[in-house]
PDB file of all heavy atoms in Angstrom:
ATOM      1  N   LEU A   1      10.304  26.995  -7.372  1.00  0.00           N
ATOM      2  CA  LEU A   1       9.942  28.372  -7.589  1.00  0.00           C
ATOM      3  C   LEU A   1       8.653  28.722  -6.845  1.00  0.00           C
ATOM      4  O   LEU A   1       8.463  29.889  -6.393  1.00  0.00           O
ATOM      5  CB  LEU A   1       9.795  28.715  -9.096  1.00  0.00           C
ATOM      6  CG  LEU A   1       8.646  27.979  -9.832  1.00  0.00           C
ATOM      7  CD1 LEU A   1       7.360  28.740  -9.825  1.00  0.00           C
ATOM      8  CD2 LEU A   1       9.101  27.767 -11.297  1.00  0.00           C
ATOM      9  N   HIS A   2       7.874  27.730  -6.528  1.00  0.00           N
ATOM     10  CA  HIS A   2       6.629  27.949  -5.825  1.00  0.00           C
ATOM     11  C   HIS A   2       6.763  28.298  -4.314  1.00  0.00           C
ATOM     12  O   HIS A   2       5.941  28.960  -3.691  1.00  0.00           O
ATOM     13  CB  HIS A   2       5.640  26.864  -6.005  1.00  0.00           C
ATOM     14  CG  HIS A   2       5.361  26.439  -7.394  1.00  0.00           C
ATOM     15  ND1 HIS A   2       4.848  27.353  -8.280  1.00  0.00           N
ATOM     16  CD2 HIS A   2       5.406  25.241  -7.999  1.00  0.00           C
ATOM     17  CE1 HIS A   2       4.730  26.784  -9.484  1.00  0.00           C
ATOM     18  NE2 HIS A   2       5.051  25.448  -9.409  1.00  0.00           N
ATOM     19  N   ILE A   3       7.924  27.754  -3.744  1.00  0.00           N
ATOM     20  CA  ILE A   3       8.144  27.982  -2.330  1.00  0.00           C
ATOM     21  C   ILE A   3       9.470  28.582  -1.918  1.00  0.00           C
ATOM     22  O   ILE A   3       9.761  28.700  -0.818  1.00  0.00           O
ATOM     23  CB  ILE A   3       8.045  26.589  -1.632  1.00  0.00           C
ATOM     24  CG1 ILE A   3       9.064  25.589  -2.144  1.00  0.00           C
ATOM     25  CG2 ILE A   3       6.622  25.956  -1.768  1.00  0.00           C
ATOM     26  CD1 ILE A   3       9.137  24.227  -1.342  1.00  0.00           C
ATOM     27  N   LYS A   4      10.246  29.014  -2.990  1.00  0.00           N
ATOM     28  CA  LYS A   4      11.576  29.522  -2.647  1.00  0.00           C
ATOM     29  C   LYS A   4      11.615  30.752  -1.771  1.00  0.00           C
ATOM     30  O   LYS A   4      12.587  31.041  -1.050  1.00  0.00           O
ATOM     31  CB  LYS A   4      12.348  29.841  -3.985  1.00  0.00           C
ATOM     32  CG  LYS A   4      11.794  30.920  -4.818  1.00  0.00           C
ATOM     33  CD  LYS A   4      12.486  31.101  -6.104  1.00  0.00           C
ATOM     34  CE  LYS A   4      12.001  32.161  -6.941  1.00  0.00           C
ATOM     35  NZ  LYS A   4      12.053  33.513  -6.307  1.00  0.00           N
ATOM     36  N   ASP A   5      10.504  31.524  -1.727  1.00  0.00           N
ATOM     37  CA  ASP A   5      10.434  32.697  -0.909  1.00  0.00           C
ATOM     38  C   ASP A   5       9.747  32.505   0.450  1.00  0.00           C
ATOM     39  O   ASP A   5       9.573  33.475   1.130  1.00  0.00           O
ATOM     40  CB  ASP A   5       9.781  33.862  -1.721  1.00  0.00           C
ATOM     41  CG  ASP A   5      10.534  34.282  -2.954  1.00  0.00           C
ATOM     42  OD1 ASP A   5      11.815  34.265  -2.866  1.00  0.00           O
ATOM     43  OD2 ASP A   5       9.837  34.604  -3.992  1.00  0.00           O
ATOM     44  N   CYS A   6       9.383  31.296   0.715  1.00  0.00           N
ATOM     45  CA  CYS A   6       8.667  31.102   1.913  1.00  0.00           C
ATOM     46  C   CYS A   6       9.582  31.155   3.104  1.00  0.00           C
ATOM     47  O   CYS A   6      10.692  30.718   3.083  1.00  0.00           O
ATOM     48  CB  CYS A   6       8.003  29.631   1.853  1.00  0.00           C
ATOM     49  SG  CYS A   6       6.659  29.512   0.709  1.00  0.00           S
ATOM     50  N   LEU A   7       9.112  31.691   4.247  1.00  0.00           N
ATOM     51  CA  LEU A   7       9.969  31.871   5.385  1.00  0.00           C
ATOM     52  C   LEU A   7       9.678  30.866   6.526  1.00  0.00           C
ATOM     53  O   LEU A   7      10.472  30.844   7.519  1.00  0.00           O
ATOM     54  CB  LEU A   7       9.798  33.277   5.928  1.00  0.00           C
ATOM     55  CG  LEU A   7      10.144  34.399   4.908  1.00  0.00           C
ATOM     56  CD1 LEU A   7       9.884  35.796   5.580  1.00  0.00           C
ATOM     57  CD2 LEU A   7      11.536  34.247   4.500  1.00  0.00           C
ATOM     58  N   SER A   8       8.676  30.086   6.355  1.00  0.00           N
ATOM     59  CA  SER A   8       8.250  29.055   7.379  1.00  0.00           C
ATOM     60  C   SER A   8       7.753  27.804   6.722  1.00  0.00           C
ATOM     61  O   SER A   8       7.292  27.826   5.537  1.00  0.00           O
ATOM     62  CB  SER A   8       7.209  29.654   8.322  1.00  0.00           C
ATOM     63  OG  SER A   8       5.976  29.784   7.619  1.00  0.00           O
ATOM     64  N   ALA A   9       7.761  26.652   7.463  1.00  0.00           N
ATOM     65  CA  ALA A   9       7.285  25.447   6.972  1.00  0.00           C
ATOM     66  C   ALA A   9       5.763  25.522   6.636  1.00  0.00           C
ATOM     67  O   ALA A   9       5.291  25.017   5.667  1.00  0.00           O
ATOM     68  CB  ALA A   9       7.552  24.332   7.935  1.00  0.00           C
ATOM     69  N   LYS A  10       5.048  26.224   7.522  1.00  0.00           N
ATOM     70  CA  LYS A  10       3.606  26.372   7.325  1.00  0.00           C
ATOM     71  C   LYS A  10       3.305  27.094   6.058  1.00  0.00           C
ATOM     72  O   LYS A  10       2.419  26.700   5.277  1.00  0.00           O
ATOM     73  CB  LYS A  10       2.976  27.086   8.502  1.00  0.00           C
ATOM     74  CG  LYS A  10       1.431  27.267   8.356  1.00  0.00           C
ATOM     75  CD  LYS A  10       0.859  27.878   9.539  1.00  0.00           C
ATOM     76  CE  LYS A  10      -0.597  28.332   9.362  1.00  0.00           C
ATOM     77  NZ  LYS A  10      -1.456  27.367   8.610  1.00  0.00           N
ATOM     78  N   GLU A  11       4.062  28.132   5.796  1.00  0.00           N
ATOM     79  CA  GLU A  11       3.879  28.949   4.582  1.00  0.00           C
ATOM     80  C   GLU A  11       4.075  28.063   3.311  1.00  0.00           C
ATOM     81  O   GLU A  11       3.299  28.098   2.362  1.00  0.00           O
ATOM     82  CB  GLU A  11       4.735  30.161   4.543  1.00  0.00           C
ATOM     83  CG  GLU A  11       4.488  31.093   3.274  1.00  0.00           C
ATOM     84  CD  GLU A  11       5.466  32.310   3.249  1.00  0.00           C
ATOM     85  OE1 GLU A  11       6.283  32.385   4.186  1.00  0.00           O
ATOM     86  OE2 GLU A  11       5.305  33.166   2.376  1.00  0.00           O
ATOM     87  N   ALA A  12       5.174  27.351   3.326  1.00  0.00           N
ATOM     88  CA  ALA A  12       5.474  26.425   2.150  1.00  0.00           C
ATOM     89  C   ALA A  12       4.455  25.300   1.966  1.00  0.00           C
ATOM     90  O   ALA A  12       3.920  25.087   0.858  1.00  0.00           O
ATOM     91  CB  ALA A  12       6.835  25.839   2.354  1.00  0.00           C
ATOM     92  N   TRP A  13       4.031  24.724   3.119  1.00  0.00           N
ATOM     93  CA  TRP A  13       3.036  23.647   2.955  1.00  0.00           C
ATOM     94  C   TRP A  13       1.722  24.244   2.459  1.00  0.00           C
ATOM     95  O   TRP A  13       1.072  23.596   1.612  1.00  0.00           O
ATOM     96  CB  TRP A  13       2.806  23.094   4.421  1.00  0.00           C
ATOM     97  CG  TRP A  13       1.954  21.872   4.404  1.00  0.00           C
ATOM     98  CD1 TRP A  13       0.652  21.777   4.470  1.00  0.00           C
ATOM     99  CD2 TRP A  13       2.356  20.495   4.291  1.00  0.00           C
ATOM    100  NE1 TRP A  13       0.213  20.546   4.424  1.00  0.00           N
ATOM    101  CE2 TRP A  13       1.258  19.699   4.330  1.00  0.00           C
ATOM    102  CE3 TRP A  13       3.668  19.915   4.187  1.00  0.00           C
ATOM    103  CZ2 TRP A  13       1.297  18.262   4.293  1.00  0.00           C
ATOM    104  CZ3 TRP A  13       3.738  18.520   4.125  1.00  0.00           C
ATOM    105  CH2 TRP A  13       2.473  17.685   4.130  1.00  0.00           C
ATOM    106  N   ASP A  14       1.288  25.355   3.006  1.00  0.00           N
ATOM    107  CA  ASP A  14       0.036  26.040   2.547  1.00  0.00           C
ATOM    108  C   ASP A  14       0.049  26.440   1.072  1.00  0.00           C
ATOM    109  O   ASP A  14      -0.914  26.250   0.378  1.00  0.00           O
ATOM    110  CB  ASP A  14      -0.323  27.185   3.407  1.00  0.00           C
ATOM    111  CG  ASP A  14      -0.664  26.841   4.798  1.00  0.00           C
ATOM    112  OD1 ASP A  14      -0.925  25.592   5.078  1.00  0.00           O
ATOM    113  OD2 ASP A  14      -0.761  27.726   5.771  1.00  0.00           O
ATOM    114  N   LYS A  15       1.168  26.883   0.606  1.00  0.00           N
ATOM    115  CA  LYS A  15       1.329  27.234  -0.797  1.00  0.00           C
ATOM    116  C   LYS A  15       1.150  26.044  -1.785  1.00  0.00           C
ATOM    117  O   LYS A  15       0.431  26.076  -2.712  1.00  0.00           O
ATOM    118  CB  LYS A  15       2.651  27.966  -1.038  1.00  0.00           C
ATOM    119  CG  LYS A  15       2.693  29.405  -0.735  1.00  0.00           C
ATOM    120  CD  LYS A  15       3.742  30.161  -1.473  1.00  0.00           C
ATOM    121  CE  LYS A  15       3.634  31.608  -1.261  1.00  0.00           C
ATOM    122  NZ  LYS A  15       4.671  32.351  -2.069  1.00  0.00           N
ATOM    123  N   LEU A  16       1.780  24.943  -1.341  1.00  0.00           N
ATOM    124  CA  LEU A  16       1.753  23.745  -2.132  1.00  0.00           C
ATOM    125  C   LEU A  16       0.274  23.277  -2.166  1.00  0.00           C
ATOM    126  O   LEU A  16      -0.220  22.728  -3.151  1.00  0.00           O
ATOM    127  CB  LEU A  16       2.700  22.747  -1.745  1.00  0.00           C
ATOM    128  CG  LEU A  16       4.193  23.018  -1.910  1.00  0.00           C
ATOM    129  CD1 LEU A  16       5.033  21.972  -1.269  1.00  0.00           C
ATOM    130  CD2 LEU A  16       4.483  23.077  -3.430  1.00  0.00           C
ATOM    131  N   SER A  17      -0.318  23.292  -0.932  1.00  0.00           N
ATOM    132  CA  SER A  17      -1.731  22.816  -0.837  1.00  0.00           C
ATOM    133  C   SER A  17      -2.677  23.628  -1.662  1.00  0.00           C
ATOM    134  O   SER A  17      -3.462  23.120  -2.436  1.00  0.00           O
ATOM    135  CB  SER A  17      -2.186  22.906   0.648  1.00  0.00           C
ATOM    136  OG  SER A  17      -1.417  21.987   1.355  1.00  0.00           O
ATOM    137  N   LYS A  18      -2.494  25.004  -1.629  1.00  0.00           N
ATOM    138  CA  LYS A  18      -3.313  25.859  -2.478  1.00  0.00           C
ATOM    139  C   LYS A  18      -3.240  25.590  -3.955  1.00  0.00           C
ATOM    140  O   LYS A  18      -4.106  25.625  -4.715  1.00  0.00           O
ATOM    141  CB  LYS A  18      -2.975  27.284  -2.151  1.00  0.00           C
ATOM    142  CG  LYS A  18      -3.915  28.273  -2.808  1.00  0.00           C
ATOM    143  CD  LYS A  18      -3.599  29.725  -2.377  1.00  0.00           C
ATOM    144  CE  LYS A  18      -4.582  30.743  -3.083  1.00  0.00           C
ATOM    145  NZ  LYS A  18      -4.247  32.104  -2.666  1.00  0.00           N
ATOM    146  N   MET A  19      -1.951  25.295  -4.321  1.00  0.00           N
ATOM    147  CA  MET A  19      -1.643  25.066  -5.724  1.00  0.00           C
ATOM    148  C   MET A  19      -2.280  23.741  -6.223  1.00  0.00           C
ATOM    149  O   MET A  19      -2.848  23.702  -7.309  1.00  0.00           O
ATOM    150  CB  MET A  19      -0.108  25.075  -6.035  1.00  0.00           C
ATOM    151  CG  MET A  19       0.229  24.693  -7.465  1.00  0.00           C
ATOM    152  SD  MET A  19       1.919  25.005  -7.819  1.00  0.00           S
ATOM    153  CE  MET A  19       1.875  26.794  -7.675  1.00  0.00           C
ATOM    154  N   TYR A  20      -2.120  22.673  -5.464  1.00  0.00           N
ATOM    155  CA  TYR A  20      -2.531  21.340  -5.947  1.00  0.00           C
ATOM    156  C   TYR A  20      -3.886  20.924  -5.405  1.00  0.00           C
ATOM    157  O   TYR A  20      -4.361  19.883  -5.944  1.00  0.00           O
ATOM    158  CB  TYR A  20      -1.353  20.383  -5.598  1.00  0.00           C
ATOM    159  CG  TYR A  20      -0.241  20.602  -6.432  1.00  0.00           C
ATOM    160  CD1 TYR A  20       1.031  21.105  -5.780  1.00  0.00           C
ATOM    161  CD2 TYR A  20      -0.089  20.323  -7.718  1.00  0.00           C
ATOM    162  CE1 TYR A  20       2.101  21.448  -6.523  1.00  0.00           C
ATOM    163  CE2 TYR A  20       1.024  20.520  -8.492  1.00  0.00           C
ATOM    164  CZ  TYR A  20       2.125  21.072  -7.912  1.00  0.00           C
ATOM    165  OH  TYR A  20       3.274  21.385  -8.670  1.00  0.00           O
ATOM    166  N   GLU A  21      -4.400  21.496  -4.488  1.00  0.00           N
ATOM    167  CA  GLU A  21      -5.715  21.117  -3.918  1.00  0.00           C
ATOM    168  C   GLU A  21      -6.712  22.171  -4.409  1.00  0.00           C
ATOM    169  O   GLU A  21      -7.451  22.695  -3.537  1.00  0.00           O
ATOM    170  CB  GLU A  21      -5.676  20.999  -2.404  1.00  0.00           C
ATOM    171  CG  GLU A  21      -4.784  19.872  -1.936  1.00  0.00           C
ATOM    172  CD  GLU A  21      -4.761  19.731  -0.384  1.00  0.00           C
ATOM    173  OE1 GLU A  21      -5.680  20.324   0.253  1.00  0.00           O
ATOM    174  OE2 GLU A  21      -3.851  19.153   0.119  1.00  0.00           O
ATOM    175  N   ASN A  22      -6.887  22.309  -5.675  1.00  0.00           N
ATOM    176  CA  ASN A  22      -7.792  23.192  -6.212  1.00  0.00           C
ATOM    177  C   ASN A  22      -9.243  22.617  -5.989  1.00  0.00           C
ATOM    178  O   ASN A  22      -9.597  21.650  -6.539  1.00  0.00           O
ATOM    179  CB  ASN A  22      -7.502  23.363  -7.767  1.00  0.00           C
ATOM    180  CG  ASN A  22      -8.493  24.286  -8.439  1.00  0.00           C
ATOM    181  OD1 ASN A  22      -9.445  24.803  -7.722  1.00  0.00           O
ATOM    182  ND2 ASN A  22      -8.437  24.510  -9.734  1.00  0.00           N
ATOM    183  N   THR A  23      -9.927  23.356  -5.118  1.00  0.00           N
ATOM    184  CA  THR A  23     -11.285  22.796  -4.711  1.00  0.00           C
ATOM    185  C   THR A  23     -12.387  23.312  -5.522  1.00  0.00           C
ATOM    186  O   THR A  23     -13.492  23.182  -5.162  1.00  0.00           O
ATOM    187  CB  THR A  23     -11.536  23.082  -3.225  1.00  0.00           C
ATOM    188  OG1 THR A  23     -11.470  24.582  -3.008  1.00  0.00           O
ATOM    189  CG2 THR A  23     -10.497  22.409  -2.324  1.00  0.00           C
ATOM    190  N   GLY A  24     -12.033  24.007  -6.591  1.00  0.00           N
ATOM    191  CA  GLY A  24     -13.057  24.656  -7.496  1.00  0.00           C
ATOM    192  C   GLY A  24     -13.947  23.571  -8.114  1.00  0.00           C
ATOM    193  O   GLY A  24     -13.547  22.421  -8.348  1.00  0.00           O
ATOM    194  N   ILE A  25     -15.176  23.892  -8.468  1.00  0.00           N
ATOM    195  CA  ILE A  25     -16.155  22.982  -8.954  1.00  0.00           C
ATOM    196  C   ILE A  25     -15.691  22.499 -10.277  1.00  0.00           C
ATOM    197  O   ILE A  25     -15.893  21.316 -10.662  1.00  0.00           O
ATOM    198  CB  ILE A  25     -17.593  23.646  -9.046  1.00  0.00           C
ATOM    199  CG1 ILE A  25     -18.584  22.585  -9.502  1.00  0.00           C
ATOM    200  CG2 ILE A  25     -17.538  24.841 -10.042  1.00  0.00           C
ATOM    201  CD1 ILE A  25     -18.840  21.493  -8.544  1.00  0.00           C
ATOM    202  N   ALA A  26     -14.963  23.329 -11.074  1.00  0.00           N
ATOM    203  CA  ALA A  26     -14.476  22.878 -12.378  1.00  0.00           C
ATOM    204  C   ALA A  26     -13.540  21.756 -12.281  1.00  0.00           C
ATOM    205  O   ALA A  26     -13.528  20.781 -13.045  1.00  0.00           O
ATOM    206  CB  ALA A  26     -13.874  24.072 -13.165  1.00  0.00           C
ATOM    207  N   ASN A  27     -12.590  21.857 -11.271  1.00  0.00           N
ATOM    208  CA  ASN A  27     -11.598  20.815 -11.157  1.00  0.00           C
ATOM    209  C   ASN A  27     -12.219  19.474 -10.703  1.00  0.00           C
ATOM    210  O   ASN A  27     -11.902  18.374 -11.067  1.00  0.00           O
ATOM    211  CB  ASN A  27     -10.626  21.213 -10.034  1.00  0.00           C
ATOM    212  CG  ASN A  27      -9.324  20.286 -10.028  1.00  0.00           C
ATOM    213  OD1 ASN A  27      -8.873  19.855 -11.034  1.00  0.00           O
ATOM    214  ND2 ASN A  27      -8.899  20.087  -8.918  1.00  0.00           N
ATOM    215  N   LYS A  28     -13.223  19.570  -9.769  1.00  0.00           N
ATOM    216  CA  LYS A  28     -13.983  18.420  -9.292  1.00  0.00           C
ATOM    217  C   LYS A  28     -14.706  17.698 -10.476  1.00  0.00           C
ATOM    218  O   LYS A  28     -14.637  16.459 -10.641  1.00  0.00           O
ATOM    219  CB  LYS A  28     -15.034  18.814  -8.260  1.00  0.00           C
ATOM    220  CG  LYS A  28     -14.393  19.300  -6.971  1.00  0.00           C
ATOM    221  CD  LYS A  28     -15.488  19.647  -5.922  1.00  0.00           C
ATOM    222  CE  LYS A  28     -14.840  20.043  -4.632  1.00  0.00           C
ATOM    223  NZ  LYS A  28     -15.892  20.531  -3.657  1.00  0.00           N
ATOM    224  N   MET A  29     -15.357  18.548 -11.313  1.00  0.00           N
ATOM    225  CA  MET A  29     -16.056  17.991 -12.455  1.00  0.00           C
ATOM    226  C   MET A  29     -15.068  17.303 -13.410  1.00  0.00           C
ATOM    227  O   MET A  29     -15.343  16.251 -13.938  1.00  0.00           O
ATOM    228  CB  MET A  29     -16.856  19.066 -13.145  1.00  0.00           C
ATOM    229  CG  MET A  29     -18.104  19.567 -12.321  1.00  0.00           C
ATOM    230  SD  MET A  29     -18.952  20.847 -13.119  1.00  0.00           S
ATOM    231  CE  MET A  29     -19.639  19.948 -14.569  1.00  0.00           C
ATOM    232  N   HIS A  30     -13.881  17.966 -13.589  1.00  0.00           N
ATOM    233  CA  HIS A  30     -12.965  17.395 -14.492  1.00  0.00           C
ATOM    234  C   HIS A  30     -12.398  16.015 -13.984  1.00  0.00           C
ATOM    235  O   HIS A  30     -12.325  15.117 -14.813  1.00  0.00           O
ATOM    236  CB  HIS A  30     -11.765  18.392 -14.664  1.00  0.00           C
ATOM    237  CG  HIS A  30     -10.634  17.795 -15.410  1.00  0.00           C
ATOM    238  ND1 HIS A  30     -10.663  17.679 -16.859  1.00  0.00           N
ATOM    239  CD2 HIS A  30      -9.346  17.332 -15.045  1.00  0.00           C
ATOM    240  CE1 HIS A  30      -9.536  17.171 -17.230  1.00  0.00           C
ATOM    241  NE2 HIS A  30      -8.709  16.975 -16.220  1.00  0.00           N
ATOM    242  N   LEU A  31     -12.221  15.838 -12.653  1.00  0.00           N
ATOM    243  CA  LEU A  31     -11.809  14.559 -12.156  1.00  0.00           C
ATOM    244  C   LEU A  31     -12.872  13.546 -12.245  1.00  0.00           C
ATOM    245  O   LEU A  31     -12.607  12.418 -12.471  1.00  0.00           O
ATOM    246  CB  LEU A  31     -11.260  14.790 -10.712  1.00  0.00           C
ATOM    247  CG  LEU A  31      -9.968  15.524 -10.569  1.00  0.00           C
ATOM    248  CD1 LEU A  31      -9.699  15.862  -9.086  1.00  0.00           C
ATOM    249  CD2 LEU A  31      -8.819  14.694 -11.118  1.00  0.00           C
ATOM    250  N   GLN A  32     -14.139  13.970 -12.033  1.00  0.00           N
ATOM    251  CA  GLN A  32     -15.199  13.041 -12.144  1.00  0.00           C
ATOM    252  C   GLN A  32     -15.330  12.510 -13.613  1.00  0.00           C
ATOM    253  O   GLN A  32     -15.595  11.346 -13.769  1.00  0.00           O
ATOM    254  CB  GLN A  32     -16.544  13.748 -11.701  1.00  0.00           C
ATOM    255  CG  GLN A  32     -16.696  13.932 -10.250  1.00  0.00           C
ATOM    256  CD  GLN A  32     -17.980  14.582  -9.833  1.00  0.00           C
ATOM    257  OE1 GLN A  32     -18.322  15.564 -10.401  1.00  0.00           O
ATOM    258  NE2 GLN A  32     -18.694  13.948  -8.927  1.00  0.00           N
ATOM    259  N   GLU A  33     -15.183  13.424 -14.538  1.00  0.00           N
ATOM    260  CA  GLU A  33     -15.154  13.061 -15.963  1.00  0.00           C
ATOM    261  C   GLU A  33     -14.087  12.068 -16.252  1.00  0.00           C
ATOM    262  O   GLU A  33     -14.218  11.091 -17.001  1.00  0.00           O
ATOM    263  CB  GLU A  33     -15.104  14.240 -16.815  1.00  0.00           C
ATOM    264  CG  GLU A  33     -16.417  15.095 -16.862  1.00  0.00           C
ATOM    265  CD  GLU A  33     -16.221  16.338 -17.665  1.00  0.00           C
ATOM    266  OE1 GLU A  33     -15.088  16.576 -18.243  1.00  0.00           O
ATOM    267  OE2 GLU A  33     -17.194  17.136 -17.728  1.00  0.00           O
ATOM    268  N   ASP A  34     -12.823  12.330 -15.641  1.00  0.00           N
ATOM    269  CA  ASP A  34     -11.685  11.470 -15.836  1.00  0.00           C
ATOM    270  C   ASP A  34     -12.046  10.025 -15.325  1.00  0.00           C
ATOM    271  O   ASP A  34     -11.679   9.025 -15.947  1.00  0.00           O
ATOM    272  CB  ASP A  34     -10.501  11.978 -15.059  1.00  0.00           C
ATOM    273  CG  ASP A  34      -9.763  13.085 -15.819  1.00  0.00           C
ATOM    274  OD1 ASP A  34     -10.104  13.330 -17.012  1.00  0.00           O
ATOM    275  OD2 ASP A  34      -8.788  13.729 -15.225  1.00  0.00           O
ATOM    276  N   LEU A  35     -12.690   9.996 -14.140  1.00  0.00           N
ATOM    277  CA  LEU A  35     -13.040   8.632 -13.560  1.00  0.00           C
ATOM    278  C   LEU A  35     -13.941   7.897 -14.487  1.00  0.00           C
ATOM    279  O   LEU A  35     -13.859   6.718 -14.628  1.00  0.00           O
ATOM    280  CB  LEU A  35     -13.679   8.848 -12.213  1.00  0.00           C
ATOM    281  CG  LEU A  35     -13.998   7.571 -11.411  1.00  0.00           C
ATOM    282  CD1 LEU A  35     -12.729   6.725 -11.071  1.00  0.00           C
ATOM    283  CD2 LEU A  35     -14.724   7.873 -10.128  1.00  0.00           C
ATOM    284  N   MET A  36     -14.932   8.561 -15.069  1.00  0.00           N
ATOM    285  CA  MET A  36     -15.978   7.927 -15.893  1.00  0.00           C
ATOM    286  C   MET A  36     -15.556   7.702 -17.313  1.00  0.00           C
ATOM    287  O   MET A  36     -15.942   6.773 -17.968  1.00  0.00           O
ATOM    288  CB  MET A  36     -17.237   8.721 -15.913  1.00  0.00           C
ATOM    289  CG  MET A  36     -17.956   8.748 -14.551  1.00  0.00           C
ATOM    290  SD  MET A  36     -19.622   9.611 -14.601  1.00  0.00           S
ATOM    291  CE  MET A  36     -19.069  11.282 -14.729  1.00  0.00           C
ATOM    292  N   MET A  37     -14.611   8.524 -17.857  1.00  0.00           N
ATOM    293  CA  MET A  37     -14.240   8.488 -19.264  1.00  0.00           C
ATOM    294  C   MET A  37     -12.862   7.818 -19.613  1.00  0.00           C
ATOM    295  O   MET A  37     -12.626   7.515 -20.718  1.00  0.00           O
ATOM    296  CB  MET A  37     -14.252   9.849 -19.869  1.00  0.00           C
ATOM    297  CG  MET A  37     -15.565  10.608 -19.683  1.00  0.00           C
ATOM    298  SD  MET A  37     -16.986   9.698 -20.343  1.00  0.00           S
ATOM    299  CE  MET A  37     -16.525   9.795 -22.145  1.00  0.00           C
ATOM    300  N   THR A  38     -12.045   7.706 -18.516  1.00  0.00           N
ATOM    301  CA  THR A  38     -10.735   7.137 -18.758  1.00  0.00           C
ATOM    302  C   THR A  38     -10.827   5.691 -19.283  1.00  0.00           C
ATOM    303  O   THR A  38     -11.688   4.891 -18.793  1.00  0.00           O
ATOM    304  CB  THR A  38      -9.894   7.093 -17.503  1.00  0.00           C
ATOM    305  OG1 THR A  38      -9.589   8.413 -17.055  1.00  0.00           O
ATOM    306  CG2 THR A  38      -8.604   6.354 -17.648  1.00  0.00           C
ATOM    307  N   LYS A  39     -10.118   5.409 -20.353  1.00  0.00           N
ATOM    308  CA  LYS A  39     -10.127   4.007 -20.961  1.00  0.00           C
ATOM    309  C   LYS A  39      -8.725   3.408 -20.959  1.00  0.00           C
ATOM    310  O   LYS A  39      -7.792   4.115 -21.194  1.00  0.00           O
ATOM    311  CB  LYS A  39     -10.682   4.188 -22.356  1.00  0.00           C
ATOM    312  CG  LYS A  39     -12.079   4.705 -22.489  1.00  0.00           C
ATOM    313  CD  LYS A  39     -13.114   3.807 -21.903  1.00  0.00           C
ATOM    314  CE  LYS A  39     -14.501   4.420 -21.930  1.00  0.00           C
ATOM    315  NZ  LYS A  39     -15.529   3.589 -21.204  1.00  0.00           N
ATOM    316  N   MET A  40      -8.701   2.200 -20.791  1.00  0.00           N
ATOM    317  CA  MET A  40      -7.435   1.387 -20.853  1.00  0.00           C
ATOM    318  C   MET A  40      -7.232   1.097 -22.304  1.00  0.00           C
ATOM    319  O   MET A  40      -8.013   0.384 -22.965  1.00  0.00           O
ATOM    320  CB  MET A  40      -7.550   0.073 -19.974  1.00  0.00           C
ATOM    321  CG  MET A  40      -6.285  -0.762 -20.064  1.00  0.00           C
ATOM    322  SD  MET A  40      -6.539  -2.239 -19.084  1.00  0.00           S
ATOM    323  CE  MET A  40      -5.170  -3.180 -19.640  1.00  0.00           C
ATOM    324  N   GLY A  41      -6.039   1.377 -22.846  1.00  0.00           N
ATOM    325  CA  GLY A  41      -5.619   1.044 -24.219  1.00  0.00           C
ATOM    326  C   GLY A  41      -5.395  -0.457 -24.404  1.00  0.00           C
ATOM    327  O   GLY A  41      -5.082  -1.123 -23.323  1.00  0.00           O
ATOM    328  N   GLU A  42      -5.561  -0.979 -25.556  1.00  0.00           N
ATOM    329  CA  GLU A  42      -5.381  -2.318 -25.766  1.00  0.00           C
ATOM    330  C   GLU A  42      -3.945  -2.833 -25.336  1.00  0.00           C
ATOM    331  O   GLU A  42      -3.682  -3.991 -24.960  1.00  0.00           O
ATOM    332  CB  GLU A  42      -5.623  -2.691 -27.288  1.00  0.00           C
ATOM    333  CG  GLU A  42      -6.971  -2.517 -27.703  1.00  0.00           C
ATOM    334  CD  GLU A  42      -8.016  -3.534 -27.209  1.00  0.00           C
ATOM    335  OE1 GLU A  42      -7.479  -4.564 -26.698  1.00  0.00           O
ATOM    336  OE2 GLU A  42      -9.150  -3.332 -27.382  1.00  0.00           O
ATOM    337  N   SER A  43      -2.935  -1.897 -25.519  1.00  0.00           N
ATOM    338  CA  SER A  43      -1.575  -2.284 -25.177  1.00  0.00           C
ATOM    339  C   SER A  43      -1.109  -1.824 -23.748  1.00  0.00           C
ATOM    340  O   SER A  43       0.033  -2.062 -23.377  1.00  0.00           O
ATOM    341  CB  SER A  43      -0.678  -1.738 -26.173  1.00  0.00           C
ATOM    342  OG  SER A  43      -0.748  -0.294 -26.169  1.00  0.00           O
ATOM    343  N   ASP A  44      -2.076  -1.254 -22.948  1.00  0.00           N
ATOM    344  CA  ASP A  44      -1.710  -0.767 -21.690  1.00  0.00           C
ATOM    345  C   ASP A  44      -1.566  -1.890 -20.692  1.00  0.00           C
ATOM    346  O   ASP A  44      -2.213  -2.894 -20.814  1.00  0.00           O
ATOM    347  CB  ASP A  44      -2.775   0.247 -21.160  1.00  0.00           C
ATOM    348  CG  ASP A  44      -2.695   1.563 -21.949  1.00  0.00           C
ATOM    349  OD1 ASP A  44      -1.764   1.764 -22.716  1.00  0.00           O
ATOM    350  OD2 ASP A  44      -3.684   2.305 -21.854  1.00  0.00           O
TER     351      ASP A  44
END
C-alpha cells in the first residue's frame, strides 16, 4: 500500500526510505536507548 501508486522506481525507493529511515532525533534516541537497555533473557 505504501508504493502501489508510485509511477517510477525512484519514487517507490524514496517512499520506502522516507518511511523507514526516520532521521528524527526521537527515533535516534529511541535506538540509542534500545542499544543500552536491551537485555538477553535467561532462555534466549
